Amino acid sequence: MIPPLRQPTGARRVRVDQAYVTPLLLPAVVDYRRVDPQGHNDHWGMIVAPDAERVDPSVALAQT
């Protein structure tokens, strides 16, 4: 069984939605979920919810 967030989301059973997060922002991701287009599109959308308080600014400064 394929976990829900890894299931095919487009026509012909392929994945078409993806989210990319930089290593700096990865700790800030507190939630992500698929959004049912309810027939308005042929693939599901995705919402990624960040929490800016979880970003370490010292890491960002060290990378510049």
C-alpha atoms as a PDB file:
ATOM      1  CA  MET A   1       0.000   0.000   0.000  1.00  0.00           C
ATOM      2  CA  ILE A   2       1.308   3.448  -0.933  1.00  0.00           C
ATOM      3  CA  PRO A   3       1.128   6.043   1.901  1.00  0.00           C
ATOM      4  CA  PRO A   4      -1.447   8.783   1.092  1.00  0.00           C
ATOM      5  CA  LEU A   5       1.132  11.553   0.613  1.00  0.00           C
ATOM      6  CA  ARG A   6       3.055   9.415  -1.918  1.00  0.00           C
ATOM      7  CA  GLN A   7       0.104   8.229  -3.997  1.00  0.00           C
ATOM      8  CA  PRO A   8      -0.190   9.187  -7.673  1.00  0.00           C
ATOM      9  CA  THR A   9      -1.823  12.597  -8.076  1.00  0.00           C
ATOM     10  CA  GLY A  10      -2.229  13.001 -11.830  1.00  0.00           C
ATOM     11  CA  ALA A  11      -3.676  11.337 -14.847  1.00  0.00           C
ATOM     12  CA  ARG A  12      -2.189   7.947 -15.712  1.00  0.00           C
ATOM     13  CA  ARG A  13      -1.189   7.327 -12.064  1.00  0.00           C
ATOM     14  CA  VAL A  14       1.917   9.568 -11.933  1.00  0.00           C
ATOM     15  CA  ARG A  15       2.996  12.088  -9.323  1.00  0.00           C
ATOM     16  CA  VAL A  16       2.832  15.680 -10.493  1.00  0.00           C
ATOM     17  CA  ASP A  17       2.876  17.635  -7.248  1.00  0.00           C
ATOM     18  CA  GLN A  18       6.113  18.121  -5.368  1.00  0.00           C
ATOM     19  CA  ALA A  19       7.463  20.453  -2.731  1.00  0.00           C
ATOM     20  CA  TYR A  20      11.118  21.304  -2.322  1.00  0.00           C
ATOM     21  CA  VAL A  21      12.483  22.727   0.923  1.00  0.00           C
ATOM     22  CA  THR A  22      16.016  23.923   1.515  1.00  0.00           C
ATOM     23  CA  PRO A  23      17.942  22.332   4.398  1.00  0.00           C
ATOM     24  CA  LEU A  24      17.716  25.663   6.263  1.00  0.00           C
ATOM     25  CA  LEU A  25      13.898  25.672   6.121  1.00  0.00           C
ATOM     26  CA  LEU A  26      13.319  21.965   6.686  1.00  0.00           C
ATOM     27  CA  PRO A  27      13.059  22.283  10.505  1.00  0.00           C
ATOM     28  CA  ALA A  28      10.351  24.938   9.995  1.00  0.00           C
ATOM     29  CA  VAL A  29       7.956  22.610   8.162  1.00  0.00           C
ATOM     30  CA  VAL A  30       5.311  21.726  10.719  1.00  0.00           C
ATOM     31  CA  ASP A  31       2.650  20.322   8.409  1.00  0.00           C
ATOM     32  CA  TYR A  32       1.984  19.332   4.821  1.00  0.00           C
ATOM     33  CA  ARG A  33      -1.082  17.884   3.209  1.00  0.00           C
ATOM     34  CA  ARG A  34      -2.752  17.211  -0.103  1.00  0.00           C
ATOM     35  CA  VAL A  35      -5.697  19.291  -1.312  1.00  0.00           C
ATOM     36  CA  ASP A  36      -8.504  17.597  -3.220  1.00  0.00           C
ATOM     37  CA  PRO A  37      -9.317  19.668  -6.351  1.00  0.00           C
ATOM     38  CA  GLN A  38     -12.905  18.353  -6.187  1.00  0.00           C
ATOM     39  CA  GLY A  39     -13.029  17.800  -9.938  1.00  0.00           C
ATOM     40  CA  HIS A  40     -11.649  21.227 -10.923  1.00  0.00           C
ATOM     41  CA  ASN A  41      -8.277  19.816 -11.931  1.00  0.00           C
ATOM     42  CA  ASP A  42      -6.750  16.445 -12.775  1.00  0.00           C
ATOM     43  CA  HIS A  43      -4.231  16.440  -9.900  1.00  0.00           C
ATOM     44  CA  TRP A  44      -4.197  17.248  -6.218  1.00  0.00           C
ATOM     45  CA  GLY A  45      -2.564  20.359  -4.792  1.00  0.00           C
ATOM     46  CA  MET A  46      -0.254  20.528  -1.799  1.00  0.00           C
ATOM     47  CA  ILE A  47      -0.052  22.871   1.172  1.00  0.00           C
ATOM     48  CA  VAL A  48       3.188  23.201   3.155  1.00  0.00           C
ATOM     49  CA  ALA A  49       2.872  25.022   6.480  1.00  0.00           C
ATOM     50  CA  PRO A  50       6.075  26.566   7.888  1.00  0.00           C
ATOM     51  CA  ASP A  51       6.742  27.980  11.355  1.00  0.00           C
ATOM     52  CA  ALA A  52       9.273  30.813  10.996  1.00  0.00           C
ATOM     53  CA  GLU A  53      10.141  30.562  14.696  1.00  0.00           C
ATOM     54  CA  ARG A  54      11.789  27.192  13.965  1.00  0.00           C
ATOM     55  CA  VAL A  55      14.333  28.659  11.512  1.00  0.00           C
ATOM     56  CA  ASP A  56      17.792  29.168  13.016  1.00  0.00           C
ATOM     57  CA  PRO A  57      19.032  32.570  11.711  1.00  0.00           C
ATOM     58  CA  SER A  58      22.605  31.786  12.724  1.00  0.00           C
ATOM     59  CA  VAL A  59      22.661  28.964  10.171  1.00  0.00           C
ATOM     60  CA  ALA A  60      21.444  31.349   7.463  1.00  0.00           C
ATOM     61  CA  LEU A  61      24.130  33.878   8.326  1.00  0.00           C
ATOM     62  CA  ALA A  62      26.834  31.205   8.298  1.00  0.00           C
ATOM     63  CA  GLN A  63      25.875  30.194   4.742  1.00  0.00           C
ATOM     64  CA  THR A  64      26.241  33.684   3.245  1.00  0.00           C
END
